[in-house]
């Protein structure tokens, strides 16, 4: 798993045609079950984005502060990598892989990974 994460992190730097430059992305995600608040994750990322021919990519990462309903806040590491590409003038496809540590940084056991994929239709 460590090799996969290292390869994914290095891949955008290997042969990218266009680098649009760095950016900062601050994102807050809160979780609820019904009206019961669970936690908020505040991600503070630095990233890069650019073009891959007709497609686009981004890679971002940094500290993520977890604010649970009960208990103390913790600081974790998080990151995201995403790709997007047009399929036609009005239809595009996108995907993202996001990961955040949970406690001790043991990538084999304490890494939460989420995968997102979708289609976007523009009118």
PDB file of N, CA and C in Angstrom:
ATOM      1  N   UNK A   1       0.830  -1.196   0.000  1.00  0.00           N
ATOM      2  CA  UNK A   1       0.000   0.000   0.000  1.00  0.00           C
ATOM      3  C   UNK A   1       0.875   1.259   0.000  1.00  0.00           C
ATOM      4  N   UNK A   2       1.999   1.237   0.758  1.00  0.00           N
ATOM      5  CA  UNK A   2       2.894   2.393   0.794  1.00  0.00           C
ATOM      6  C   UNK A   2       3.449   2.697  -0.587  1.00  0.00           C
ATOM      7  N   UNK A   3       3.792   1.647  -1.331  1.00  0.00           N
ATOM      8  CA  UNK A   3       4.326   1.838  -2.683  1.00  0.00           C
ATOM      9  C   UNK A   3       3.286   2.476  -3.591  1.00  0.00           C
ATOM     10  N   UNK A   4       2.026   2.033  -3.471  1.00  0.00           N
ATOM     11  CA  UNK A   4       0.947   2.604  -4.283  1.00  0.00           C
ATOM     12  C   UNK A   4       0.769   4.086  -3.977  1.00  0.00           C
ATOM     13  N   UNK A   5       0.768   4.461  -2.707  1.00  0.00           N
ATOM     14  CA  UNK A   5       0.585   5.861  -2.321  1.00  0.00           C
ATOM     15  C   UNK A   5       1.749   6.711  -2.814  1.00  0.00           C
ATOM     16  N   UNK A   6       2.963   6.214  -2.672  1.00  0.00           N
ATOM     17  CA  UNK A   6       4.133   6.958  -3.142  1.00  0.00           C
ATOM     18  C   UNK A   6       4.099   7.127  -4.656  1.00  0.00           C
ATOM     19  N   UNK A   7       3.707   6.077  -5.376  1.00  0.00           N
ATOM     20  CA  UNK A   7       3.632   6.163  -6.838  1.00  0.00           C
ATOM     21  C   UNK A   7       2.540   7.135  -7.270  1.00  0.00           C
ATOM     22  N   UNK A   8       1.397   7.093  -6.586  1.00  0.00           N
ATOM     23  CA  UNK A   8       0.311   8.020  -6.925  1.00  0.00           C
ATOM     24  C   UNK A   8       0.710   9.461  -6.654  1.00  0.00           C
ATOM     25  N   UNK A   9       1.447   9.679  -5.576  1.00  0.00           N
ATOM     26  CA  UNK A   9       1.885  11.039  -5.246  1.00  0.00           C
ATOM     27  C   UNK A   9       2.919  11.551  -6.242  1.00  0.00           C
ATOM     28  N   UNK A  10       3.773  10.677  -6.743  1.00  0.00           N
ATOM     29  CA  UNK A  10       4.836  11.097  -7.660  1.00  0.00           C
ATOM     30  C   UNK A  10       4.369  11.184  -9.111  1.00  0.00           C
ATOM     31  N   UNK A  11       3.326  10.452  -9.476  1.00  0.00           N
ATOM     32  CA  UNK A  11       2.896  10.369 -10.872  1.00  0.00           C
ATOM     33  C   UNK A  11       2.672  11.716 -11.542  1.00  0.00           C
ATOM     34  N   UNK A  12       2.013  12.690 -10.905  1.00  0.00           N
ATOM     35  CA  UNK A  12       1.783  13.956 -11.596  1.00  0.00           C
ATOM     36  C   UNK A  12       3.058  14.728 -11.928  1.00  0.00           C
ATOM     37  N   UNK A  13       4.163  14.412 -11.262  1.00  0.00           N
ATOM     38  CA  UNK A  13       5.402  15.143 -11.497  1.00  0.00           C
ATOM     39  C   UNK A  13       6.253  14.525 -12.595  1.00  0.00           C
ATOM     40  N   UNK A  14       5.893  13.349 -13.083  1.00  0.00           N
ATOM     41  CA  UNK A  14       6.759  12.628 -14.000  1.00  0.00           C
ATOM     42  C   UNK A  14       6.742  13.182 -15.420  1.00  0.00           C
ATOM     43  N   UNK A  15       5.588  13.407 -16.011  1.00  0.00           N
ATOM     44  CA  UNK A  15       5.547  13.842 -17.405  1.00  0.00           C
ATOM     45  C   UNK A  15       4.290  14.646 -17.698  1.00  0.00           C
ATOM     46  N   UNK A  16       4.093  15.720 -17.000  1.00  0.00           N
ATOM     47  CA  UNK A  16       2.899  16.524 -17.218  1.00  0.00           C
ATOM     48  C   UNK A  16       3.184  17.645 -18.204  1.00  0.00           C
ATOM     49  N   UNK A  17       2.357  17.791 -19.229  1.00  0.00           N
ATOM     50  CA  UNK A  17       2.592  18.799 -20.248  1.00  0.00           C
ATOM     51  C   UNK A  17       2.421  20.237 -19.755  1.00  0.00           C
ATOM     52  N   UNK A  18       1.429  20.485 -18.891  1.00  0.00           N
ATOM     53  CA  UNK A  18       1.173  21.861 -18.485  1.00  0.00           C
ATOM     54  C   UNK A  18       0.836  21.906 -17.004  1.00  0.00           C
ATOM     55  N   UNK A  19       1.527  22.763 -16.289  1.00  0.00           N
ATOM     56  CA  UNK A  19       1.283  22.945 -14.860  1.00  0.00           C
ATOM     57  C   UNK A  19       0.742  24.345 -14.662  1.00  0.00           C
ATOM     58  N   UNK A  20      -0.492  24.446 -14.186  1.00  0.00           N
ATOM     59  CA  UNK A  20      -1.130  25.750 -14.028  1.00  0.00           C
ATOM     60  C   UNK A  20      -0.641  26.476 -12.786  1.00  0.00           C
ATOM     61  N   UNK A  21      -0.004  25.786 -11.894  1.00  0.00           N
ATOM     62  CA  UNK A  21       0.537  26.438 -10.726  1.00  0.00           C
ATOM     63  C   UNK A  21      -0.096  25.976  -9.438  1.00  0.00           C
ATOM     64  N   UNK A  22       0.498  26.410  -8.348  1.00  0.00           N
ATOM     65  CA  UNK A  22       0.009  25.979  -7.040  1.00  0.00           C
ATOM     66  C   UNK A  22      -1.238  26.751  -6.614  1.00  0.00           C
ATOM     67  N   UNK A  23      -1.974  26.162  -5.669  1.00  0.00           N
ATOM     68  CA  UNK A  23      -3.144  26.806  -5.095  1.00  0.00           C
ATOM     69  C   UNK A  23      -3.315  26.333  -3.656  1.00  0.00           C
ATOM     70  N   UNK A  24      -4.165  27.010  -2.915  1.00  0.00           N
ATOM     71  CA  UNK A  24      -4.530  26.623  -1.559  1.00  0.00           C
ATOM     72  C   UNK A  24      -6.019  26.313  -1.553  1.00  0.00           C
ATOM     73  N   UNK A  25      -6.393  25.206  -0.932  1.00  0.00           N
ATOM     74  CA  UNK A  25      -7.800  24.806  -0.832  1.00  0.00           C
ATOM     75  C   UNK A  25      -8.107  24.479   0.627  1.00  0.00           C
ATOM     76  N   UNK A  26      -9.025  25.220   1.218  1.00  0.00           N
ATOM     77  CA  UNK A  26      -9.463  24.958   2.583  1.00  0.00           C
ATOM     78  C   UNK A  26     -10.903  24.470   2.494  1.00  0.00           C
ATOM     79  N   UNK A  27     -11.148  23.257   3.017  1.00  0.00           N
ATOM     80  CA  UNK A  27     -12.458  22.638   2.881  1.00  0.00           C
ATOM     81  C   UNK A  27     -12.893  22.061   4.215  1.00  0.00           C
ATOM     82  N   UNK A  28     -14.155  22.274   4.552  1.00  0.00           N
ATOM     83  CA  UNK A  28     -14.741  21.752   5.781  1.00  0.00           C
ATOM     84  C   UNK A  28     -15.838  20.764   5.426  1.00  0.00           C
ATOM     85  N   UNK A  29     -15.765  19.569   6.009  1.00  0.00           N
ATOM     86  CA  UNK A  29     -16.784  18.539   5.798  1.00  0.00           C
ATOM     87  C   UNK A  29     -17.313  18.094   7.151  1.00  0.00           C
ATOM     88  N   UNK A  30     -18.632  18.199   7.352  1.00  0.00           N
ATOM     89  CA  UNK A  30     -19.267  17.796   8.607  1.00  0.00           C
ATOM     90  C   UNK A  30     -20.165  16.601   8.355  1.00  0.00           C
ATOM     91  N   UNK A  31     -20.210  15.700   9.338  1.00  0.00           N
ATOM     92  CA  UNK A  31     -21.031  14.504   9.218  1.00  0.00           C
ATOM     93  C   UNK A  31     -22.170  14.485  10.220  1.00  0.00           C
ATOM     94  N   UNK A  32     -23.333  14.053   9.748  1.00  0.00           N
ATOM     95  CA  UNK A  32     -24.535  13.949  10.572  1.00  0.00           C
ATOM     96  C   UNK A  32     -25.227  12.624  10.280  1.00  0.00           C
ATOM     97  N   UNK A  33     -25.874  12.058  11.284  1.00  0.00           N
ATOM     98  CA  UNK A  33     -26.808  10.954  11.102  1.00  0.00           C
ATOM     99  C   UNK A  33     -28.131  11.491  11.609  1.00  0.00           C
ATOM    100  N   UNK A  34     -29.032  11.784  10.687  1.00  0.00           N
ATOM    101  CA  UNK A  34     -30.254  12.500  11.058  1.00  0.00           C
ATOM    102  C   UNK A  34     -29.861  13.883  11.542  1.00  0.00           C
ATOM    103  N   UNK A  35     -30.253  14.225  12.746  1.00  0.00           N
ATOM    104  CA  UNK A  35     -29.852  15.515  13.310  1.00  0.00           C
ATOM    105  C   UNK A  35     -28.709  15.379  14.305  1.00  0.00           C
ATOM    106  N   UNK A  36     -28.127  14.171  14.417  1.00  0.00           N
ATOM    107  CA  UNK A  36     -27.033  13.917  15.355  1.00  0.00           C
ATOM    108  C   UNK A  36     -25.687  14.222  14.690  1.00  0.00           C
ATOM    109  N   UNK A  37     -25.008  15.259  15.187  1.00  0.00           N
ATOM    110  CA  UNK A  37     -23.703  15.673  14.660  1.00  0.00           C
ATOM    111  C   UNK A  37     -22.635  14.661  15.053  1.00  0.00           C
ATOM    112  N   UNK A  38     -21.789  14.291  14.103  1.00  0.00           N
ATOM    113  CA  UNK A  38     -20.701  13.355  14.365  1.00  0.00           C
ATOM    114  C   UNK A  38     -19.360  14.035  14.499  1.00  0.00           C
ATOM    115  N   UNK A  39     -18.922  14.725  13.439  1.00  0.00           N
ATOM    116  CA  UNK A  39     -17.609  15.365  13.453  1.00  0.00           C
ATOM    117  C   UNK A  39     -17.478  16.283  12.244  1.00  0.00           C
ATOM    118  N   UNK A  40     -16.472  17.156  12.316  1.00  0.00           N
ATOM    119  CA  UNK A  40     -16.095  18.006  11.190  1.00  0.00           C
ATOM    120  C   UNK A  40     -14.624  17.770  10.898  1.00  0.00           C
ATOM    121  N   UNK A  41     -14.290  17.680   9.633  1.00  0.00           N
ATOM    122  CA  UNK A  41     -12.904  17.558   9.192  1.00  0.00           C
ATOM    123  C   UNK A  41     -12.565  18.816   8.408  1.00  0.00           C
ATOM    124  N   UNK A  42     -11.594  19.582   8.897  1.00  0.00           N
ATOM    125  CA  UNK A  42     -11.135  20.803   8.226  1.00  0.00           C
ATOM    126  C   UNK A  42      -9.818  20.491   7.531  1.00  0.00           C
ATOM    127  N   UNK A  43      -9.868  20.407   6.190  1.00  0.00           N
ATOM    128  CA  UNK A  43      -8.679  20.095   5.400  1.00  0.00           C
ATOM    129  C   UNK A  43      -8.041  21.390   4.912  1.00  0.00           C
ATOM    130  N   UNK A  44      -6.741  21.518   5.110  1.00  0.00           N
ATOM    131  CA  UNK A  44      -5.998  22.701   4.672  1.00  0.00           C
ATOM    132  C   UNK A  44      -4.913  22.221   3.709  1.00  0.00           C
ATOM    133  N   UNK A  45      -5.222  22.276   2.437  1.00  0.00           N
ATOM    134  CA  UNK A  45      -4.368  21.689   1.415  1.00  0.00           C
ATOM    135  C   UNK A  45      -3.650  22.732   0.565  1.00  0.00           C
ATOM    136  N   UNK A  46      -2.477  22.337   0.114  1.00  0.00           N
ATOM    137  CA  UNK A  46      -1.745  23.029  -0.943  1.00  0.00           C
ATOM    138  C   UNK A  46      -1.747  22.069  -2.118  1.00  0.00           C
ATOM    139  N   UNK A  47      -1.982  22.592  -3.323  1.00  0.00           N
ATOM    140  CA  UNK A  47      -2.074  21.696  -4.454  1.00  0.00           C
ATOM    141  C   UNK A  47      -1.542  22.278  -5.742  1.00  0.00           C
ATOM    142  N   UNK A  48      -1.548  21.431  -6.747  1.00  0.00           N
ATOM    143  CA  UNK A  48      -1.196  21.825  -8.111  1.00  0.00           C
ATOM    144  C   UNK A  48      -2.284  21.296  -9.037  1.00  0.00           C
ATOM    145  N   UNK A  49      -2.479  21.976 -10.154  1.00  0.00           N
ATOM    146  CA  UNK A  49      -3.426  21.520 -11.161  1.00  0.00           C
ATOM    147  C   UNK A  49      -2.881  21.858 -12.533  1.00  0.00           C
ATOM    148  N   UNK A  50      -3.388  21.166 -13.523  1.00  0.00           N
ATOM    149  CA  UNK A  50      -2.927  21.421 -14.875  1.00  0.00           C
ATOM    150  C   UNK A  50      -3.685  20.606 -15.902  1.00  0.00           C
ATOM    151  N   UNK A  51      -3.174  20.619 -17.112  1.00  0.00           N
ATOM    152  CA  UNK A  51      -3.805  19.937 -18.237  1.00  0.00           C
ATOM    153  C   UNK A  51      -3.005  18.714 -18.645  1.00  0.00           C
ATOM    154  N   UNK A  52      -3.722  17.703 -19.091  1.00  0.00           N
ATOM    155  CA  UNK A  52      -3.141  16.479 -19.641  1.00  0.00           C
ATOM    156  C   UNK A  52      -3.745  16.270 -21.027  1.00  0.00           C
ATOM    157  N   UNK A  53      -3.275  17.016 -22.000  1.00  0.00           N
ATOM    158  CA  UNK A  53      -3.917  16.956 -23.308  1.00  0.00           C
ATOM    159  C   UNK A  53      -5.291  17.589 -23.206  1.00  0.00           C
ATOM    160  N   UNK A  54      -6.351  16.842 -23.441  1.00  0.00           N
ATOM    161  CA  UNK A  54      -7.705  17.358 -23.305  1.00  0.00           C
ATOM    162  C   UNK A  54      -8.279  17.181 -21.915  1.00  0.00           C
ATOM    163  N   UNK A  55      -7.579  16.496 -21.037  1.00  0.00           N
ATOM    164  CA  UNK A  55      -8.054  16.245 -19.678  1.00  0.00           C
ATOM    165  C   UNK A  55      -7.396  17.220 -18.701  1.00  0.00           C
ATOM    166  N   UNK A  56      -7.873  17.195 -17.460  1.00  0.00           N
ATOM    167  CA  UNK A  56      -7.268  18.016 -16.418  1.00  0.00           C
ATOM    168  C   UNK A  56      -7.005  17.151 -15.181  1.00  0.00           C
ATOM    169  N   UNK A  57      -6.087  17.606 -14.338  1.00  0.00           N
ATOM    170  CA  UNK A  57      -5.747  16.879 -13.121  1.00  0.00           C
ATOM    171  C   UNK A  57      -5.549  17.866 -11.978  1.00  0.00           C
ATOM    172  N   UNK A  58      -5.580  17.349 -10.761  1.00  0.00           N
ATOM    173  CA  UNK A  58      -5.158  18.098  -9.581  1.00  0.00           C
ATOM    174  C   UNK A  58      -4.599  17.127  -8.553  1.00  0.00           C
ATOM    175  N   UNK A  59      -3.707  17.625  -7.735  1.00  0.00           N
ATOM    176  CA  UNK A  59      -3.085  16.874  -6.653  1.00  0.00           C
ATOM    177  C   UNK A  59      -2.938  17.838  -5.497  1.00  0.00           C
ATOM    178  N   UNK A  60      -3.488  17.498  -4.331  1.00  0.00           N
ATOM    179  CA  UNK A  60      -3.416  18.392  -3.182  1.00  0.00           C
ATOM    180  C   UNK A  60      -3.283  17.589  -1.903  1.00  0.00           C
ATOM    181  N   UNK A  61      -2.683  18.208  -0.889  1.00  0.00           N
ATOM    182  CA  UNK A  61      -2.542  17.531   0.386  1.00  0.00           C
ATOM    183  C   UNK A  61      -2.088  18.477   1.476  1.00  0.00           C
ATOM    184  N   UNK A  62      -2.214  18.015   2.711  1.00  0.00           N
ATOM    185  CA  UNK A  62      -1.791  18.792   3.861  1.00  0.00           C
ATOM    186  C   UNK A  62      -2.466  18.318   5.127  1.00  0.00           C
ATOM    187  N   UNK A  63      -2.373  19.114   6.178  1.00  0.00           N
ATOM    188  CA  UNK A  63      -2.987  18.721   7.450  1.00  0.00           C
ATOM    189  C   UNK A  63      -4.512  18.801   7.401  1.00  0.00           C
ATOM    190  N   UNK A  64      -5.136  17.933   8.176  1.00  0.00           N
ATOM    191  CA  UNK A  64      -6.591  17.912   8.323  1.00  0.00           C
ATOM    192  C   UNK A  64      -6.892  17.830   9.811  1.00  0.00           C
ATOM    193  N   UNK A  65      -7.671  18.762  10.307  1.00  0.00           N
ATOM    194  CA  UNK A  65      -8.001  18.798  11.731  1.00  0.00           C
ATOM    195  C   UNK A  65      -9.396  18.236  11.918  1.00  0.00           C
ATOM    196  N   UNK A  66      -9.511  17.230  12.771  1.00  0.00           N
ATOM    197  CA  UNK A  66     -10.791  16.592  13.056  1.00  0.00           C
ATOM    198  C   UNK A  66     -11.360  17.156  14.350  1.00  0.00           C
ATOM    199  N   UNK A  67     -12.608  17.582  14.291  1.00  0.00           N
ATOM    200  CA  UNK A  67     -13.325  18.117  15.447  1.00  0.00           C
ATOM    201  C   UNK A  67     -14.513  17.197  15.738  1.00  0.00           C
ATOM    202  N   UNK A  68     -14.320  16.157  16.568  1.00  0.00           N
ATOM    203  CA  UNK A  68     -15.428  15.244  16.866  1.00  0.00           C
ATOM    204  C   UNK A  68     -16.430  15.876  17.833  1.00  0.00           C
ATOM    205  N   UNK A  69     -17.649  15.347  17.818  1.00  0.00           N
ATOM    206  CA  UNK A  69     -18.690  15.821  18.731  1.00  0.00           C
ATOM    207  C   UNK A  69     -18.242  15.659  20.177  1.00  0.00           C
ATOM    208  N   UNK A  70     -17.655  14.523  20.481  1.00  0.00           N
ATOM    209  CA  UNK A  70     -17.141  14.268  21.819  1.00  0.00           C
ATOM    210  C   UNK A  70     -15.660  13.942  21.699  1.00  0.00           C
ATOM    211  N   UNK A  71     -14.867  14.460  22.606  1.00  0.00           N
ATOM    212  CA  UNK A  71     -13.437  14.186  22.585  1.00  0.00           C
ATOM    213  C   UNK A  71     -12.648  15.367  22.049  1.00  0.00           C
ATOM    214  N   UNK A  72     -11.336  15.188  22.044  1.00  0.00           N
ATOM    215  CA  UNK A  72     -10.426  16.248  21.623  1.00  0.00           C
ATOM    216  C   UNK A  72     -10.232  16.235  20.116  1.00  0.00           C
ATOM    217  N   UNK A  73      -9.882  17.391  19.577  1.00  0.00           N
ATOM    218  CA  UNK A  73      -9.550  17.482  18.157  1.00  0.00           C
ATOM    219  C   UNK A  73      -8.193  16.827  17.917  1.00  0.00           C
ATOM    220  N   UNK A  74      -8.006  16.323  16.713  1.00  0.00           N
ATOM    221  CA  UNK A  74      -6.742  15.707  16.319  1.00  0.00           C
ATOM    222  C   UNK A  74      -6.336  16.249  14.956  1.00  0.00           C
ATOM    223  N   UNK A  75      -5.046  16.214  14.688  1.00  0.00           N
ATOM    224  CA  UNK A  75      -4.532  16.628  13.386  1.00  0.00           C
ATOM    225  C   UNK A  75      -4.042  15.396  12.647  1.00  0.00           C
ATOM    226  N   UNK A  76      -4.540  15.228  11.442  1.00  0.00           N
ATOM    227  CA  UNK A  76      -4.191  14.100  10.583  1.00  0.00           C
ATOM    228  C   UNK A  76      -3.549  14.630   9.309  1.00  0.00           C
ATOM    229  N   UNK A  77      -3.179  13.742   8.413  1.00  0.00           N
ATOM    230  CA  UNK A  77      -2.694  14.103   7.079  1.00  0.00           C
ATOM    231  C   UNK A  77      -3.741  13.665   6.072  1.00  0.00           C
ATOM    232  N   UNK A  78      -4.001  14.503   5.070  1.00  0.00           N
ATOM    233  CA  UNK A  78      -4.973  14.129   4.042  1.00  0.00           C
ATOM    234  C   UNK A  78      -4.496  14.600   2.676  1.00  0.00           C
ATOM    235  N   UNK A  79      -5.049  13.969   1.658  1.00  0.00           N
ATOM    236  CA  UNK A  79      -4.701  14.345   0.302  1.00  0.00           C
ATOM    237  C   UNK A  79      -5.734  13.863  -0.690  1.00  0.00           C
ATOM    238  N   UNK A  80      -5.710  14.465  -1.876  1.00  0.00           N
ATOM    239  CA  UNK A  80      -6.644  14.116  -2.944  1.00  0.00           C
ATOM    240  C   UNK A  80      -5.927  14.201  -4.278  1.00  0.00           C
ATOM    241  N   UNK A  81      -6.303  13.326  -5.171  1.00  0.00           N
ATOM    242  CA  UNK A  81      -5.851  13.395  -6.553  1.00  0.00           C
ATOM    243  C   UNK A  81      -7.076  13.189  -7.428  1.00  0.00           C
ATOM    244  N   UNK A  82      -7.211  14.003  -8.468  1.00  0.00           N
ATOM    245  CA  UNK A  82      -8.388  13.903  -9.313  1.00  0.00           C
ATOM    246  C   UNK A  82      -8.073  14.123 -10.778  1.00  0.00           C
ATOM    247  N   UNK A  83      -8.938  13.578 -11.610  1.00  0.00           N
ATOM    248  CA  UNK A  83      -8.837  13.715 -13.062  1.00  0.00           C
ATOM    249  C   UNK A  83     -10.211  14.062 -13.618  1.00  0.00           C
ATOM    250  N   UNK A  84     -10.234  14.815 -14.696  1.00  0.00           N
ATOM    251  CA  UNK A  84     -11.469  15.131 -15.394  1.00  0.00           C
ATOM    252  C   UNK A  84     -11.212  15.176 -16.883  1.00  0.00           C
ATOM    253  N   UNK A  85     -12.208  14.767 -17.659  1.00  0.00           N
ATOM    254  CA  UNK A  85     -12.026  14.764 -19.114  1.00  0.00           C
ATOM    255  C   UNK A  85     -13.375  14.933 -19.802  1.00  0.00           C
ATOM    256  N   UNK A  86     -13.393  15.721 -20.880  1.00  0.00           N
ATOM    257  CA  UNK A  86     -14.634  15.855 -21.651  1.00  0.00           C
ATOM    258  C   UNK A  86     -14.872  14.607 -22.496  1.00  0.00           C
ATOM    259  N   UNK A  87     -16.131  14.200 -22.558  1.00  0.00           N
ATOM    260  CA  UNK A  87     -16.523  13.100 -23.447  1.00  0.00           C
ATOM    261  C   UNK A  87     -17.192  13.635 -24.708  1.00  0.00           C
ATOM    262  N   UNK A  88     -17.810  14.810 -24.585  1.00  0.00           N
ATOM    263  CA  UNK A  88     -18.431  15.514 -25.705  1.00  0.00           C
ATOM    264  C   UNK A  88     -18.511  16.987 -25.307  1.00  0.00           C
ATOM    265  N   UNK A  89     -19.176  17.794 -26.126  1.00  0.00           N
ATOM    266  CA  UNK A  89     -19.320  19.215 -25.800  1.00  0.00           C
ATOM    267  C   UNK A  89     -20.101  19.436 -24.512  1.00  0.00           C
ATOM    268  N   UNK A  90     -21.010  18.530 -24.179  1.00  0.00           N
ATOM    269  CA  UNK A  90     -21.855  18.746 -23.007  1.00  0.00           C
ATOM    270  C   UNK A  90     -21.696  17.688 -21.918  1.00  0.00           C
ATOM    271  N   UNK A  91     -20.864  16.674 -22.129  1.00  0.00           N
ATOM    272  CA  UNK A  91     -20.711  15.599 -21.149  1.00  0.00           C
ATOM    273  C   UNK A  91     -19.247  15.420 -20.789  1.00  0.00           C
ATOM    274  N   UNK A  92     -18.976  15.365 -19.482  1.00  0.00           N
ATOM    275  CA  UNK A  92     -17.611  15.114 -19.015  1.00  0.00           C
ATOM    276  C   UNK A  92     -17.635  14.061 -17.912  1.00  0.00           C
ATOM    277  N   UNK A  93     -16.497  13.457 -17.679  1.00  0.00           N
ATOM    278  CA  UNK A  93     -16.329  12.437 -16.657  1.00  0.00           C
ATOM    279  C   UNK A  93     -15.265  12.923 -15.682  1.00  0.00           C
ATOM    280  N   UNK A  94     -15.405  12.562 -14.403  1.00  0.00           N
ATOM    281  CA  UNK A  94     -14.413  12.956 -13.409  1.00  0.00           C
ATOM    282  C   UNK A  94     -14.243  11.857 -12.375  1.00  0.00           C
ATOM    283  N   UNK A  95     -13.112  11.882 -11.703  1.00  0.00           N
ATOM    284  CA  UNK A  95     -12.845  10.931 -10.635  1.00  0.00           C
ATOM    285  C   UNK A  95     -11.888  11.526  -9.629  1.00  0.00           C
ATOM    286  N   UNK A  96     -11.995  11.048  -8.392  1.00  0.00           N
ATOM    287  CA  UNK A  96     -11.132  11.539  -7.317  1.00  0.00           C
ATOM    288  C   UNK A  96     -10.852  10.405  -6.348  1.00  0.00           C
ATOM    289  N   UNK A  97      -9.618  10.353  -5.859  1.00  0.00           N
ATOM    290  CA  UNK A  97      -9.239   9.461  -4.769  1.00  0.00           C
ATOM    291  C   UNK A  97      -8.764  10.363  -3.640  1.00  0.00           C
ATOM    292  N   UNK A  98      -9.364  10.199  -2.458  1.00  0.00           N
ATOM    293  CA  UNK A  98      -9.014  10.999  -1.292  1.00  0.00           C
ATOM    294  C   UNK A  98      -8.628  10.061  -0.162  1.00  0.00           C
ATOM    295  N   UNK A  99      -7.655  10.484   0.637  1.00  0.00           N
ATOM    296  CA  UNK A  99      -7.218   9.663   1.763  1.00  0.00           C
ATOM    297  C   UNK A  99      -6.909  10.548   2.963  1.00  0.00           C
ATOM    298  N   UNK A 100      -7.156  10.009   4.156  1.00  0.00           N
ATOM    299  CA  UNK A 100      -6.842  10.713   5.402  1.00  0.00           C
ATOM    300  C   UNK A 100      -6.374   9.680   6.422  1.00  0.00           C
ATOM    301  N   UNK A 101      -5.341  10.029   7.170  1.00  0.00           N
ATOM    302  CA  UNK A 101      -4.848   9.145   8.213  1.00  0.00           C
ATOM    303  C   UNK A 101      -5.823   9.142   9.382  1.00  0.00           C
ATOM    304  N   UNK A 102      -5.694   8.141  10.233  1.00  0.00           N
ATOM    305  CA  UNK A 102      -6.538   8.036  11.428  1.00  0.00           C
ATOM    306  C   UNK A 102      -5.651   7.614  12.585  1.00  0.00           C
ATOM    307  N   UNK A 103      -5.189   8.582  13.348  1.00  0.00           N
ATOM    308  CA  UNK A 103      -4.306   8.260  14.468  1.00  0.00           C
ATOM    309  C   UNK A 103      -2.883   8.093  13.999  1.00  0.00           C
ATOM    310  N   UNK A 104      -2.243   7.036  14.460  1.00  0.00           N
ATOM    311  CA  UNK A 104      -0.864   6.776  14.076  1.00  0.00           C
ATOM    312  C   UNK A 104      -0.783   6.618  12.571  1.00  0.00           C
ATOM    313  N   UNK A 105       0.305   7.061  11.994  1.00  0.00           N
ATOM    314  CA  UNK A 105       0.437   7.013  10.534  1.00  0.00           C
ATOM    315  C   UNK A 105       1.003   5.653  10.127  1.00  0.00           C
ATOM    316  N   UNK A 106       0.116   4.676  10.038  1.00  0.00           N
ATOM    317  CA  UNK A 106       0.431   3.347   9.554  1.00  0.00           C
ATOM    318  C   UNK A 106      -0.454   3.141   8.331  1.00  0.00           C
ATOM    319  N   UNK A 107       0.105   3.348   7.146  1.00  0.00           N
ATOM    320  CA  UNK A 107      -0.686   3.360   5.926  1.00  0.00           C
ATOM    321  C   UNK A 107      -1.383   2.033   5.642  1.00  0.00           C
ATOM    322  N   UNK A 108      -0.890   0.938   6.202  1.00  0.00           N
ATOM    323  CA  UNK A 108      -1.539  -0.345   5.973  1.00  0.00           C
ATOM    324  C   UNK A 108      -2.811  -0.509   6.793  1.00  0.00           C
ATOM    325  N   UNK A 109      -2.911   0.174   7.953  1.00  0.00           N
ATOM    326  CA  UNK A 109      -4.050  -0.035   8.837  1.00  0.00           C
ATOM    327  C   UNK A 109      -4.850   1.218   9.147  1.00  0.00           C
ATOM    328  N   UNK A 110      -4.236   2.383   9.084  1.00  0.00           N
ATOM    329  CA  UNK A 110      -4.892   3.595   9.571  1.00  0.00           C
ATOM    330  C   UNK A 110      -5.105   4.644   8.487  1.00  0.00           C
ATOM    331  N   UNK A 111      -5.428   4.216   7.309  1.00  0.00           N
ATOM    332  CA  UNK A 111      -5.653   5.138   6.201  1.00  0.00           C
ATOM    333  C   UNK A 111      -7.073   4.937   5.669  1.00  0.00           C
ATOM    334  N   UNK A 112      -7.888   5.977   5.772  1.00  0.00           N
ATOM    335  CA  UNK A 112      -9.244   5.922   5.216  1.00  0.00           C
ATOM    336  C   UNK A 112      -9.177   6.449   3.786  1.00  0.00           C
ATOM    337  N   UNK A 113      -9.646   5.676   2.837  1.00  0.00           N
ATOM    338  CA  UNK A 113      -9.597   6.039   1.423  1.00  0.00           C
ATOM    339  C   UNK A 113     -11.022   6.103   0.878  1.00  0.00           C
ATOM    340  N   UNK A 114     -11.310   7.169   0.150  1.00  0.00           N
ATOM    341  CA  UNK A 114     -12.605   7.334  -0.512  1.00  0.00           C
ATOM    342  C   UNK A 114     -12.369   7.526  -2.007  1.00  0.00           C
ATOM    343  N   UNK A 115     -13.226   6.928  -2.802  1.00  0.00           N
ATOM    344  CA  UNK A 115     -13.150   7.046  -4.258  1.00  0.00           C
ATOM    345  C   UNK A 115     -14.463   7.640  -4.750  1.00  0.00           C
ATOM    346  N   UNK A 116     -14.349   8.621  -5.640  1.00  0.00           N
ATOM    347  CA  UNK A 116     -15.523   9.276  -6.197  1.00  0.00           C
ATOM    348  C   UNK A 116     -15.376   9.296  -7.718  1.00  0.00           C
ATOM    349  N   UNK A 117     -16.472   9.035  -8.414  1.00  0.00           N
ATOM    350  CA  UNK A 117     -16.480   9.109  -9.875  1.00  0.00           C
ATOM    351  C   UNK A 117     -17.855   9.595 -10.310  1.00  0.00           C
ATOM    352  N   UNK A 118     -17.877  10.308 -11.427  1.00  0.00           N
ATOM    353  CA  UNK A 118     -19.176  10.791 -11.887  1.00  0.00           C
ATOM    354  C   UNK A 118     -19.143  11.321 -13.287  1.00  0.00           C
ATOM    355  N   UNK A 119     -20.329  11.638 -13.754  1.00  0.00           N
ATOM    356  CA  UNK A 119     -20.529  12.274 -15.044  1.00  0.00           C
ATOM    357  C   UNK A 119     -21.182  13.633 -14.802  1.00  0.00           C
ATOM    358  N   UNK A 120     -20.807  14.609 -15.620  1.00  0.00           N
ATOM    359  CA  UNK A 120     -21.402  15.936 -15.519  1.00  0.00           C
ATOM    360  C   UNK A 120     -21.944  16.308 -16.894  1.00  0.00           C
ATOM    361  N   UNK A 121     -23.240  16.652 -16.925  1.00  0.00           N
ATOM    362  CA  UNK A 121     -23.888  17.071 -18.159  1.00  0.00           C
ATOM    363  C   UNK A 121     -24.194  18.559 -18.072  1.00  0.00           C
ATOM    364  N   UNK A 122     -23.724  19.340 -19.024  1.00  0.00           N
ATOM    365  CA  UNK A 122     -23.951  20.777 -19.053  1.00  0.00           C
ATOM    366  C   UNK A 122     -25.004  21.103 -20.116  1.00  0.00           C
ATOM    367  N   UNK A 123     -25.968  21.948 -19.767  1.00  0.00           N
ATOM    368  CA  UNK A 123     -27.033  22.344 -20.689  1.00  0.00           C
ATOM    369  C   UNK A 123     -26.616  23.517 -21.528  1.00  0.00           C
TER     370      UNK A 123
END
